[in-house]
Amino acid sequence: MNLWHLEVFREVMRSSSATMAARNLGRTQPAISASISGLEQDIGYALFERKNGRLHPVPEAHYLMAEAEEILARVGAVERSMKDTAGLSPNQLRIASMPIVAEFLMPRLISQFIKEHPMTRFQVSSANSFRVYEQISAQQFDVGLAEISVGCDLVHVDSIEVDCICALPANSHLVDRPYLTPKDLDGLPFGTFLKTHAIAKALTSAFAEADAHFNVQFEMQNAASQYSLVSSGVAYSLFSPLSAWIFKQTHINPDSIVFLPFQPIIPYPLGILTPAHKSLSRLAQTFVAELKNEIDGVLIDIVADWSIKSTPQQF
């Protein structure tokens, strides 16, 4: 017994005629009769009595009809679901991301994605980069966005080229500079990440090599906690372009911070994470591609839309 047997049987039950069933299914009458005969041979008894050119179902046929209707309905539902997602399967995406991105950039991307893939269900986790690595390595999530850390054999990392930019108060005497260096910022109050963070380490080295004083007055957990320090004029900082873009999109006074390139270049270790030993569904592959495009768009915006002065080797 197979799905075609059940489909033929259902059509014969509905029409009480092999000829009519053949017409409805686009097959020949002998092919339909042969399918019914094969089904009867498989189950071991006749499903129809032939009288006056019509097929009359035996009592057992009504039981099989109910079962066939349910089975074919479920198969049809699966087929519709697959077509609704353009053949992408499964239709759920589990995403783990750094908090600031999970709370703004990811919902924005999902809102766009769902227009093309309306049947997709999303589960989004907000966690620090270390936790995102853990979740991806354990295959608890399909896609992650995090700061790149020490290599892990269980995680595939697609690195994204991002250079940090300097954040300074709008009333700073440095806003007209084409870019800023440690010498320009010598001794000025700085807000930065905790000492263990890659940006904080890179800044410490850059200031030391330039023989400039790195005056760290505020050590903060993330970029969002540094926004108010810079916008209120009490500190300078260094952000990833993603953090700068989110500030501009969400802050009530987006012009209170000016962003300029920083020299020497300090890369921001950003990457899209996926399980190394698990194949991505076509749906997840499509989402990853659109996530890359979204981040590329952010990097373009930071230059084009905000009149950020960039050096040739940046962005």
C-alpha atoms as a PDB file:
ATOM      1  CA  MET A   1       0.000   0.000   0.000  1.00  0.00           C
ATOM      2  CA  ASN A   2       1.346   3.436  -0.917  1.00  0.00           C
ATOM      3  CA  LEU A   3       0.108   7.008  -1.194  1.00  0.00           C
ATOM      4  CA  TRP A   4      -0.845   6.595  -4.846  1.00  0.00           C
ATOM      5  CA  HIS A   5      -2.963   3.546  -3.983  1.00  0.00           C
ATOM      6  CA  LEU A   6      -4.747   5.629  -1.340  1.00  0.00           C
ATOM      7  CA  GLU A   7      -5.269   8.566  -3.683  1.00  0.00           C
ATOM      8  CA  VAL A   8      -6.761   6.325  -6.378  1.00  0.00           C
ATOM      9  CA  PHE A   9      -8.924   4.524  -3.809  1.00  0.00           C
ATOM     10  CA  ARG A  10     -10.235   7.849  -2.443  1.00  0.00           C
ATOM     11  CA  GLU A  11     -11.143   9.093  -5.925  1.00  0.00           C
ATOM     12  CA  VAL A  12     -12.923   5.841  -6.766  1.00  0.00           C
ATOM     13  CA  MET A  13     -14.867   6.028  -3.488  1.00  0.00           C
ATOM     14  CA  ARG A  14     -15.931   9.574  -4.305  1.00  0.00           C
ATOM     15  CA  SER A  15     -16.985   8.871  -7.884  1.00  0.00           C
ATOM     16  CA  SER A  16     -18.053   5.178  -7.646  1.00  0.00           C
ATOM     17  CA  SER A  17     -16.509   4.770 -11.084  1.00  0.00           C
ATOM     18  CA  ALA A  18     -13.031   3.815 -12.289  1.00  0.00           C
ATOM     19  CA  THR A  19     -13.683   5.746 -15.503  1.00  0.00           C
ATOM     20  CA  MET A  20     -14.580   8.956 -13.641  1.00  0.00           C
ATOM     21  CA  ALA A  21     -11.672   8.514 -11.231  1.00  0.00           C
ATOM     22  CA  ALA A  22      -9.315   8.114 -14.198  1.00  0.00           C
ATOM     23  CA  ARG A  23     -10.603  11.338 -15.735  1.00  0.00           C
ATOM     24  CA  ASN A  24     -10.224  13.257 -12.457  1.00  0.00           C
ATOM     25  CA  LEU A  25      -6.689  11.960 -11.871  1.00  0.00           C
ATOM     26  CA  GLY A  26      -5.544  12.315 -15.458  1.00  0.00           C
ATOM     27  CA  ARG A  27      -4.851   8.594 -15.920  1.00  0.00           C
ATOM     28  CA  THR A  28      -6.291   5.836 -18.061  1.00  0.00           C
ATOM     29  CA  GLN A  29      -9.149   3.669 -16.840  1.00  0.00           C
ATOM     30  CA  PRO A  30      -7.062   0.455 -17.048  1.00  0.00           C
ATOM     31  CA  ALA A  31      -4.359   2.097 -14.897  1.00  0.00           C
ATOM     32  CA  ILE A  32      -6.925   3.002 -12.236  1.00  0.00           C
ATOM     33  CA  SER A  33      -8.458  -0.475 -12.284  1.00  0.00           C
ATOM     34  CA  ALA A  34      -4.980  -2.039 -12.002  1.00  0.00           C
ATOM     35  CA  SER A  35      -4.170   0.186  -9.011  1.00  0.00           C
ATOM     36  CA  ILE A  36      -7.367  -0.839  -7.216  1.00  0.00           C
ATOM     37  CA  SER A  37      -6.687  -4.504  -7.977  1.00  0.00           C
ATOM     38  CA  GLY A  38      -3.172  -4.173  -6.632  1.00  0.00           C
ATOM     39  CA  LEU A  39      -4.474  -2.554  -3.447  1.00  0.00           C
ATOM     40  CA  GLU A  40      -7.007  -5.349  -2.976  1.00  0.00           C
ATOM     41  CA  GLN A  41      -4.305  -7.961  -3.476  1.00  0.00           C
ATOM     42  CA  ASP A  42      -2.112  -6.239  -0.862  1.00  0.00           C
ATOM     43  CA  ILE A  43      -4.810  -6.267   1.822  1.00  0.00           C
ATOM     44  CA  GLY A  44      -6.156  -9.682   0.854  1.00  0.00           C
ATOM     45  CA  TYR A  45      -9.805  -9.014  -0.030  1.00  0.00           C
ATOM     46  CA  ALA A  46     -12.005  -7.019  -2.398  1.00  0.00           C
ATOM     47  CA  LEU A  47     -12.905  -3.439  -1.510  1.00  0.00           C
ATOM     48  CA  PHE A  48     -15.644  -3.094  -4.113  1.00  0.00           C
ATOM     49  CA  GLU A  49     -18.441  -5.156  -5.561  1.00  0.00           C
ATOM     50  CA  ARG A  50     -18.914  -4.664  -9.288  1.00  0.00           C
ATOM     51  CA  LYS A  51     -22.609  -4.251 -10.171  1.00  0.00           C
ATOM     52  CA  ASN A  52     -24.102  -2.762 -13.338  1.00  0.00           C
ATOM     53  CA  GLY A  53     -20.874  -1.032 -14.299  1.00  0.00           C
ATOM     54  CA  ARG A  54     -20.558   0.655 -10.898  1.00  0.00           C
ATOM     55  CA  LEU A  55     -18.248   0.025  -7.971  1.00  0.00           C
ATOM     56  CA  HIS A  56     -19.988  -0.455  -4.635  1.00  0.00           C
ATOM     57  CA  PRO A  57     -17.731  -0.316  -1.554  1.00  0.00           C
ATOM     58  CA  VAL A  58     -17.822  -3.117   0.999  1.00  0.00           C
ATOM     59  CA  PRO A  59     -18.112  -2.097   4.688  1.00  0.00           C
ATOM     60  CA  GLU A  60     -14.346  -2.351   5.223  1.00  0.00           C
ATOM     61  CA  ALA A  61     -13.812   0.189   2.430  1.00  0.00           C
ATOM     62  CA  HIS A  62     -15.499   2.908   4.497  1.00  0.00           C
ATOM     63  CA  TYR A  63     -12.983   2.368   7.298  1.00  0.00           C
ATOM     64  CA  LEU A  64     -10.105   2.574   4.812  1.00  0.00           C
ATOM     65  CA  MET A  65     -11.649   5.719   3.316  1.00  0.00           C
ATOM     66  CA  ALA A  66     -11.612   7.498   6.677  1.00  0.00           C
ATOM     67  CA  GLU A  67      -7.982   6.527   7.244  1.00  0.00           C
ATOM     68  CA  ALA A  68      -6.988   7.477   3.702  1.00  0.00           C
ATOM     69  CA  GLU A  69      -8.618  10.914   4.039  1.00  0.00           C
ATOM     70  CA  GLU A  70      -6.648  11.606   7.213  1.00  0.00           C
ATOM     71  CA  ILE A  71      -3.327  10.387   5.794  1.00  0.00           C
ATOM     72  CA  LEU A  72      -3.688  12.319   2.531  1.00  0.00           C
ATOM     73  CA  ALA A  73      -4.780  15.458   4.401  1.00  0.00           C
ATOM     74  CA  ARG A  74      -1.612  15.325   6.507  1.00  0.00           C
ATOM     75  CA  VAL A  75       0.541  14.802   3.437  1.00  0.00           C
ATOM     76  CA  GLY A  76      -1.182  17.764   1.789  1.00  0.00           C
ATOM     77  CA  ALA A  77      -0.514  19.954   4.819  1.00  0.00           C
ATOM     78  CA  VAL A  78       3.189  19.075   4.712  1.00  0.00           C
ATOM     79  CA  GLU A  79       3.301  19.835   1.001  1.00  0.00           C
ATOM     80  CA  ARG A  80       1.648  23.234   1.497  1.00  0.00           C
ATOM     81  CA  SER A  81       4.010  24.088   4.331  1.00  0.00           C
ATOM     82  CA  MET A  82       7.028  23.222   2.193  1.00  0.00           C
ATOM     83  CA  LYS A  83       5.719  25.348  -0.673  1.00  0.00           C
ATOM     84  CA  ASP A  84       4.949  28.256   1.673  1.00  0.00           C
ATOM     85  CA  THR A  85       8.604  28.346   2.712  1.00  0.00           C
ATOM     86  CA  ALA A  86       9.819  27.999  -0.890  1.00  0.00           C
ATOM     87  CA  GLY A  87      11.010  24.483  -0.142  1.00  0.00           C
ATOM     88  CA  LEU A  88      13.008  25.599   2.891  1.00  0.00           C
ATOM     89  CA  SER A  89      12.928  23.202   5.825  1.00  0.00           C
ATOM     90  CA  PRO A  90      12.511  23.209   8.741  1.00  0.00           C
ATOM     91  CA  ASN A  91      10.444  26.346   9.182  1.00  0.00           C
ATOM     92  CA  GLN A  92      11.894  27.317  12.573  1.00  0.00           C
ATOM     93  CA  LEU A  93      15.024  29.377  13.105  1.00  0.00           C
ATOM     94  CA  ARG A  94      16.787  29.500  16.462  1.00  0.00           C
ATOM     95  CA  ILE A  95      19.064  32.522  16.779  1.00  0.00           C
ATOM     96  CA  ALA A  96      21.502  33.466  19.552  1.00  0.00           C
ATOM     97  CA  SER A  97      22.950  36.965  19.545  1.00  0.00           C
ATOM     98  CA  MET A  98      24.734  39.588  21.595  1.00  0.00           C
ATOM     99  CA  PRO A  99      22.165  41.633  23.582  1.00  0.00           C
ATOM    100  CA  ILE A 100      22.405  44.969  21.768  1.00  0.00           C
ATOM    101  CA  VAL A 101      22.010  43.259  18.390  1.00  0.00           C
ATOM    102  CA  ALA A 102      19.315  40.849  19.598  1.00  0.00           C
ATOM    103  CA  GLU A 103      17.233  43.721  20.908  1.00  0.00           C
ATOM    104  CA  PHE A 104      17.265  45.937  17.829  1.00  0.00           C
ATOM    105  CA  LEU A 105      19.073  44.782  14.694  1.00  0.00           C
ATOM    106  CA  MET A 106      17.750  41.208  14.809  1.00  0.00           C
ATOM    107  CA  PRO A 107      14.044  42.152  15.145  1.00  0.00           C
ATOM    108  CA  ARG A 108      14.500  44.587  12.249  1.00  0.00           C
ATOM    109  CA  LEU A 109      15.966  41.823  10.066  1.00  0.00           C
ATOM    110  CA  ILE A 110      13.309  39.309  11.135  1.00  0.00           C
ATOM    111  CA  SER A 111      10.563  41.795  10.200  1.00  0.00           C
ATOM    112  CA  GLN A 112      11.988  41.938   6.684  1.00  0.00           C
ATOM    113  CA  PHE A 113      12.642  38.192   6.454  1.00  0.00           C
ATOM    114  CA  ILE A 114       9.138  37.193   7.486  1.00  0.00           C
ATOM    115  CA  LYS A 115       7.646  39.048   4.508  1.00  0.00           C
ATOM    116  CA  GLU A 116       9.309  36.585   2.135  1.00  0.00           C
ATOM    117  CA  HIS A 117       8.997  33.542   4.422  1.00  0.00           C
ATOM    118  CA  PRO A 118       5.734  34.075   6.343  1.00  0.00           C
ATOM    119  CA  MET A 119       5.562  30.557   7.801  1.00  0.00           C
ATOM    120  CA  THR A 120       8.901  30.872   9.609  1.00  0.00           C
ATOM    121  CA  ARG A 121       8.889  30.625  13.404  1.00  0.00           C
ATOM    122  CA  PHE A 122      11.684  32.344  15.335  1.00  0.00           C
ATOM    123  CA  GLN A 123      13.336  31.758  18.680  1.00  0.00           C
ATOM    124  CA  VAL A 124      15.814  34.510  19.586  1.00  0.00           C
ATOM    125  CA  SER A 125      18.153  34.357  22.587  1.00  0.00           C
ATOM    126  CA  SER A 126      20.016  37.373  23.962  1.00  0.00           C
ATOM    127  CA  ALA A 127      23.315  36.407  25.598  1.00  0.00           C
ATOM    128  CA  ASN A 128      26.939  37.452  25.875  1.00  0.00           C
ATOM    129  CA  SER A 129      29.355  36.215  23.229  1.00  0.00           C
ATOM    130  CA  PHE A 130      30.757  33.434  25.421  1.00  0.00           C
ATOM    131  CA  ARG A 131      27.272  32.065  26.002  1.00  0.00           C
ATOM    132  CA  VAL A 132      26.430  32.348  22.282  1.00  0.00           C
ATOM    133  CA  TYR A 133      29.449  30.138  21.524  1.00  0.00           C
ATOM    134  CA  GLU A 134      28.209  27.589  24.052  1.00  0.00           C
ATOM    135  CA  GLN A 135      24.706  27.540  22.584  1.00  0.00           C
ATOM    136  CA  ILE A 136      25.941  27.114  19.017  1.00  0.00           C
ATOM    137  CA  SER A 137      28.486  24.427  19.932  1.00  0.00           C
ATOM    138  CA  ALA A 138      25.737  22.473  21.720  1.00  0.00           C
ATOM    139  CA  GLN A 139      23.549  22.810  18.593  1.00  0.00           C
ATOM    140  CA  GLN A 140      20.860  24.486  20.676  1.00  0.00           C
ATOM    141  CA  PHE A 141      20.689  27.277  18.087  1.00  0.00           C
ATOM    142  CA  ASP A 142      21.084  27.426  14.315  1.00  0.00           C
ATOM    143  CA  VAL A 143      22.738  30.829  13.910  1.00  0.00           C
ATOM    144  CA  GLY A 144      24.683  33.066  16.267  1.00  0.00           C
ATOM    145  CA  LEU A 145      26.111  36.577  16.083  1.00  0.00           C
ATOM    146  CA  ALA A 146      28.928  37.262  18.515  1.00  0.00           C
ATOM    147  CA  GLU A 147      32.362  38.655  19.088  1.00  0.00           C
ATOM    148  CA  ILE A 148      34.922  36.135  17.892  1.00  0.00           C
ATOM    149  CA  SER A 149      36.862  34.458  20.667  1.00  0.00           C
ATOM    150  CA  VAL A 150      39.271  31.543  20.896  1.00  0.00           C
ATOM    151  CA  GLY A 151      38.623  28.933  18.222  1.00  0.00           C
ATOM    152  CA  CYS A 152      36.209  26.098  18.931  1.00  0.00           C
ATOM    153  CA  ASP A 153      36.094  22.928  16.805  1.00  0.00           C
ATOM    154  CA  LEU A 154      32.327  22.713  17.300  1.00  0.00           C
ATOM    155  CA  VAL A 155      31.624  26.184  15.893  1.00  0.00           C
ATOM    156  CA  HIS A 156      32.051  27.447  12.344  1.00  0.00           C
ATOM    157  CA  VAL A 157      32.835  31.185  12.254  1.00  0.00           C
ATOM    158  CA  ASP A 158      32.170  33.426   9.279  1.00  0.00           C
ATOM    159  CA  SER A 159      34.219  36.504  10.130  1.00  0.00           C
ATOM    160  CA  ILE A 160      32.890  39.951   9.170  1.00  0.00           C
ATOM    161  CA  GLU A 161      35.324  42.771   8.382  1.00  0.00           C
ATOM    162  CA  VAL A 162      34.488  45.587  10.817  1.00  0.00           C
ATOM    163  CA  ASP A 163      36.753  48.391  12.061  1.00  0.00           C
ATOM    164  CA  CYS A 164      36.010  50.337  15.225  1.00  0.00           C
ATOM    165  CA  ILE A 165      35.202  54.043  15.119  1.00  0.00           C
ATOM    166  CA  CYS A 166      35.779  56.698  17.738  1.00  0.00           C
ATOM    167  CA  ALA A 167      32.804  58.206  19.572  1.00  0.00           C
ATOM    168  CA  LEU A 168      33.184  61.761  20.859  1.00  0.00           C
ATOM    169  CA  PRO A 169      30.813  64.372  22.280  1.00  0.00           C
ATOM    170  CA  ALA A 170      29.263  66.659  19.675  1.00  0.00           C
ATOM    171  CA  ASN A 171      30.788  69.714  21.413  1.00  0.00           C
ATOM    172  CA  SER A 172      34.316  68.292  21.396  1.00  0.00           C
ATOM    173  CA  HIS A 173      37.109  70.404  19.901  1.00  0.00           C
ATOM    174  CA  LEU A 174      38.086  67.345  17.846  1.00  0.00           C
ATOM    175  CA  VAL A 175      34.914  66.931  15.755  1.00  0.00           C
ATOM    176  CA  ASP A 176      36.436  68.572  12.659  1.00  0.00           C
ATOM    177  CA  ARG A 177      39.367  66.156  12.470  1.00  0.00           C
ATOM    178  CA  PRO A 178      39.351  63.678   9.527  1.00  0.00           C
ATOM    179  CA  TYR A 179      40.235  60.897  11.980  1.00  0.00           C
ATOM    180  CA  LEU A 180      41.552  60.538  15.527  1.00  0.00           C
ATOM    181  CA  THR A 181      44.730  59.002  16.930  1.00  0.00           C
ATOM    182  CA  PRO A 182      45.923  58.171  20.448  1.00  0.00           C
ATOM    183  CA  LYS A 183      47.919  61.423  20.389  1.00  0.00           C
ATOM    184  CA  ASP A 184      44.709  63.408  19.750  1.00  0.00           C
ATOM    185  CA  LEU A 185      43.062  61.672  22.710  1.00  0.00           C
ATOM    186  CA  ASP A 186      46.080  61.837  25.024  1.00  0.00           C
ATOM    187  CA  GLY A 187      44.846  62.180  28.605  1.00  0.00           C
ATOM    188  CA  LEU A 188      41.193  62.722  27.707  1.00  0.00           C
ATOM    189  CA  PRO A 189      38.663  60.781  29.847  1.00  0.00           C
ATOM    190  CA  PHE A 190      37.817  57.486  28.190  1.00  0.00           C
ATOM    191  CA  GLY A 191      34.922  55.097  28.596  1.00  0.00           C
ATOM    192  CA  THR A 192      35.704  51.621  27.379  1.00  0.00           C
ATOM    193  CA  PHE A 193      34.981  47.942  27.880  1.00  0.00           C
ATOM    194  CA  LEU A 194      36.317  45.804  30.709  1.00  0.00           C
ATOM    195  CA  LYS A 195      40.063  45.121  30.628  1.00  0.00           C
ATOM    196  CA  THR A 196      39.558  41.603  29.260  1.00  0.00           C
ATOM    197  CA  HIS A 197      37.664  42.833  26.185  1.00  0.00           C
ATOM    198  CA  ALA A 198      39.447  42.815  22.807  1.00  0.00           C
ATOM    199  CA  ILE A 199      38.792  46.524  22.176  1.00  0.00           C
ATOM    200  CA  ALA A 200      40.124  47.538  25.598  1.00  0.00           C
ATOM    201  CA  LYS A 201      43.258  45.467  25.046  1.00  0.00           C
ATOM    202  CA  ALA A 202      43.813  46.907  21.563  1.00  0.00           C
ATOM    203  CA  LEU A 203      43.351  50.484  22.803  1.00  0.00           C
ATOM    204  CA  THR A 204      45.830  49.946  25.626  1.00  0.00           C
ATOM    205  CA  SER A 205      48.428  48.741  23.124  1.00  0.00           C
ATOM    206  CA  ALA A 206      47.702  51.553  20.639  1.00  0.00           C
ATOM    207  CA  PHE A 207      48.104  54.279  23.276  1.00  0.00           C
ATOM    208  CA  ALA A 208      51.275  52.666  24.651  1.00  0.00           C
ATOM    209  CA  GLU A 209      52.864  52.464  21.196  1.00  0.00           C
ATOM    210  CA  ALA A 210      52.018  56.139  20.556  1.00  0.00           C
ATOM    211  CA  ASP A 211      53.416  57.121  23.981  1.00  0.00           C
ATOM    212  CA  ALA A 212      50.021  58.640  24.833  1.00  0.00           C
ATOM    213  CA  HIS A 213      48.151  58.480  28.147  1.00  0.00           C
ATOM    214  CA  PHE A 214      45.147  56.170  27.984  1.00  0.00           C
ATOM    215  CA  ASN A 215      42.974  57.764  30.654  1.00  0.00           C
ATOM    216  CA  VAL A 216      40.385  55.076  31.373  1.00  0.00           C
ATOM    217  CA  GLN A 217      37.868  56.636  33.721  1.00  0.00           C
ATOM    218  CA  PHE A 218      34.914  54.374  32.986  1.00  0.00           C
ATOM    219  CA  GLU A 219      35.029  50.603  32.441  1.00  0.00           C
ATOM    220  CA  MET A 220      31.680  49.349  31.207  1.00  0.00           C
ATOM    221  CA  GLN A 221      30.179  45.983  30.294  1.00  0.00           C
ATOM    222  CA  ASN A 222      29.022  46.913  26.786  1.00  0.00           C
ATOM    223  CA  ALA A 223      28.727  49.734  24.257  1.00  0.00           C
ATOM    224  CA  ALA A 224      25.162  50.664  25.205  1.00  0.00           C
ATOM    225  CA  SER A 225      26.265  51.532  28.732  1.00  0.00           C
ATOM    226  CA  GLN A 226      28.799  53.992  27.266  1.00  0.00           C
ATOM    227  CA  TYR A 227      26.304  55.951  25.150  1.00  0.00           C
ATOM    228  CA  SER A 228      25.232  58.343  27.908  1.00  0.00           C
ATOM    229  CA  LEU A 229      28.811  58.984  29.017  1.00  0.00           C
ATOM    230  CA  VAL A 230      29.799  60.194  25.561  1.00  0.00           C
ATOM    231  CA  SER A 231      26.572  62.012  24.674  1.00  0.00           C
ATOM    232  CA  SER A 232      26.684  63.944  27.963  1.00  0.00           C
ATOM    233  CA  GLY A 233      30.243  65.067  27.238  1.00  0.00           C
ATOM    234  CA  VAL A 234      32.100  63.313  30.056  1.00  0.00           C
ATOM    235  CA  ALA A 235      33.942  60.680  28.023  1.00  0.00           C
ATOM    236  CA  TYR A 236      35.300  59.515  24.672  1.00  0.00           C
ATOM    237  CA  SER A 237      34.994  55.934  23.511  1.00  0.00           C
ATOM    238  CA  LEU A 238      35.564  53.437  20.720  1.00  0.00           C
ATOM    239  CA  PHE A 239      32.634  51.437  19.326  1.00  0.00           C
ATOM    240  CA  SER A 240      31.979  48.954  16.598  1.00  0.00           C
ATOM    241  CA  PRO A 241      30.012  50.511  13.692  1.00  0.00           C
ATOM    242  CA  LEU A 242      27.085  48.261  14.682  1.00  0.00           C
ATOM    243  CA  SER A 243      26.913  49.875  18.118  1.00  0.00           C
ATOM    244  CA  ALA A 244      27.234  53.351  16.602  1.00  0.00           C
ATOM    245  CA  TRP A 245      24.447  52.630  14.114  1.00  0.00           C
ATOM    246  CA  ILE A 246      22.133  51.311  16.819  1.00  0.00           C
ATOM    247  CA  PHE A 247      22.795  54.443  18.892  1.00  0.00           C
ATOM    248  CA  LYS A 248      21.809  56.636  15.950  1.00  0.00           C
ATOM    249  CA  GLN A 249      18.661  54.596  15.360  1.00  0.00           C
ATOM    250  CA  THR A 250      17.445  54.487  18.949  1.00  0.00           C
ATOM    251  CA  HIS A 251      18.724  57.532  20.827  1.00  0.00           C
ATOM    252  CA  ILE A 252      16.418  60.494  21.397  1.00  0.00           C
ATOM    253  CA  ASN A 253      19.249  62.865  20.463  1.00  0.00           C
ATOM    254  CA  PRO A 254      21.303  60.984  17.840  1.00  0.00           C
ATOM    255  CA  ASP A 255      23.435  64.032  16.996  1.00  0.00           C
ATOM    256  CA  SER A 256      24.861  64.222  20.519  1.00  0.00           C
ATOM    257  CA  ILE A 257      27.675  61.855  19.492  1.00  0.00           C
ATOM    258  CA  VAL A 258      29.978  62.320  16.518  1.00  0.00           C
ATOM    259  CA  PHE A 259      31.720  59.257  15.067  1.00  0.00           C
ATOM    260  CA  LEU A 260      35.126  59.488  13.383  1.00  0.00           C
ATOM    261  CA  PRO A 261      37.601  56.914  12.082  1.00  0.00           C
ATOM    262  CA  PHE A 262      40.386  55.887  14.426  1.00  0.00           C
ATOM    263  CA  GLN A 263      44.041  55.299  13.555  1.00  0.00           C
ATOM    264  CA  PRO A 264      45.619  52.842  13.937  1.00  0.00           C
ATOM    265  CA  ILE A 265      42.790  50.615  12.781  1.00  0.00           C
ATOM    266  CA  ILE A 266      41.347  48.436  15.536  1.00  0.00           C
ATOM    267  CA  PRO A 267      39.299  45.559  14.080  1.00  0.00           C
ATOM    268  CA  TYR A 268      36.134  44.534  15.847  1.00  0.00           C
ATOM    269  CA  PRO A 269      36.094  40.699  16.116  1.00  0.00           C
ATOM    270  CA  LEU A 270      32.577  40.035  14.837  1.00  0.00           C
ATOM    271  CA  GLY A 271      31.393  36.777  13.345  1.00  0.00           C
ATOM    272  CA  ILE A 272      28.334  34.772  12.335  1.00  0.00           C
ATOM    273  CA  LEU A 273      28.426  31.419  14.130  1.00  0.00           C
ATOM    274  CA  THR A 274      26.890  28.125  13.021  1.00  0.00           C
ATOM    275  CA  PRO A 275      27.313  24.541  14.307  1.00  0.00           C
ATOM    276  CA  ALA A 276      30.418  23.023  12.706  1.00  0.00           C
ATOM    277  CA  HIS A 277      29.080  19.469  12.548  1.00  0.00           C
ATOM    278  CA  LYS A 278      25.485  20.128  11.553  1.00  0.00           C
ATOM    279  CA  SER A 279      24.268  21.064   8.090  1.00  0.00           C
ATOM    280  CA  LEU A 280      22.214  24.237   7.915  1.00  0.00           C
ATOM    281  CA  SER A 281      18.706  24.039   6.512  1.00  0.00           C
ATOM    282  CA  ARG A 282      18.077  26.031   3.350  1.00  0.00           C
ATOM    283  CA  LEU A 283      16.015  28.406   5.469  1.00  0.00           C
ATOM    284  CA  ALA A 284      18.951  29.011   7.828  1.00  0.00           C
ATOM    285  CA  GLN A 285      21.327  29.465   4.904  1.00  0.00           C
ATOM    286  CA  THR A 286      19.020  32.101   3.464  1.00  0.00           C
ATOM    287  CA  PHE A 287      18.798  33.875   6.824  1.00  0.00           C
ATOM    288  CA  VAL A 288      22.596  33.896   7.210  1.00  0.00           C
ATOM    289  CA  ALA A 289      22.963  35.464   3.756  1.00  0.00           C
ATOM    290  CA  GLU A 290      20.435  38.160   4.618  1.00  0.00           C
ATOM    291  CA  LEU A 291      22.118  38.777   7.987  1.00  0.00           C
ATOM    292  CA  LYS A 292      25.396  39.439   6.142  1.00  0.00           C
ATOM    293  CA  ASN A 293      23.622  41.814   3.770  1.00  0.00           C
ATOM    294  CA  GLU A 294      22.032  43.644   6.717  1.00  0.00           C
ATOM    295  CA  ILE A 295      25.394  44.148   8.411  1.00  0.00           C
ATOM    296  CA  ASP A 296      26.946  45.291   5.128  1.00  0.00           C
ATOM    297  CA  GLY A 297      24.138  47.835   4.861  1.00  0.00           C
ATOM    298  CA  VAL A 298      24.904  49.120   8.348  1.00  0.00           C
ATOM    299  CA  LEU A 299      28.556  49.626   7.419  1.00  0.00           C
ATOM    300  CA  ILE A 300      27.521  51.568   4.328  1.00  0.00           C
ATOM    301  CA  ASP A 301      25.079  53.695   6.343  1.00  0.00           C
ATOM    302  CA  ILE A 302      27.715  54.640   8.879  1.00  0.00           C
ATOM    303  CA  VAL A 303      29.714  56.238   6.080  1.00  0.00           C
ATOM    304  CA  ALA A 304      27.169  57.475   3.545  1.00  0.00           C
ATOM    305  CA  ASP A 305      24.194  58.563   5.640  1.00  0.00           C
ATOM    306  CA  TRP A 306      26.021  60.072   8.600  1.00  0.00           C
ATOM    307  CA  SER A 307      28.832  61.796   6.719  1.00  0.00           C
ATOM    308  CA  ILE A 308      31.443  59.814   8.600  1.00  0.00           C
ATOM    309  CA  LYS A 309      34.874  60.699   7.283  1.00  0.00           C
ATOM    310  CA  SER A 310      36.653  57.479   6.420  1.00  0.00           C
ATOM    311  CA  THR A 311      40.255  56.785   5.589  1.00  0.00           C
ATOM    312  CA  PRO A 312      40.973  54.791   2.391  1.00  0.00           C
ATOM    313  CA  GLN A 313      41.796  51.567   4.213  1.00  0.00           C
ATOM    314  CA  GLN A 314      38.664  51.636   6.365  1.00  0.00           C
ATOM    315  CA  PHE A 315      35.270  50.076   5.614  1.00  0.00           C
END
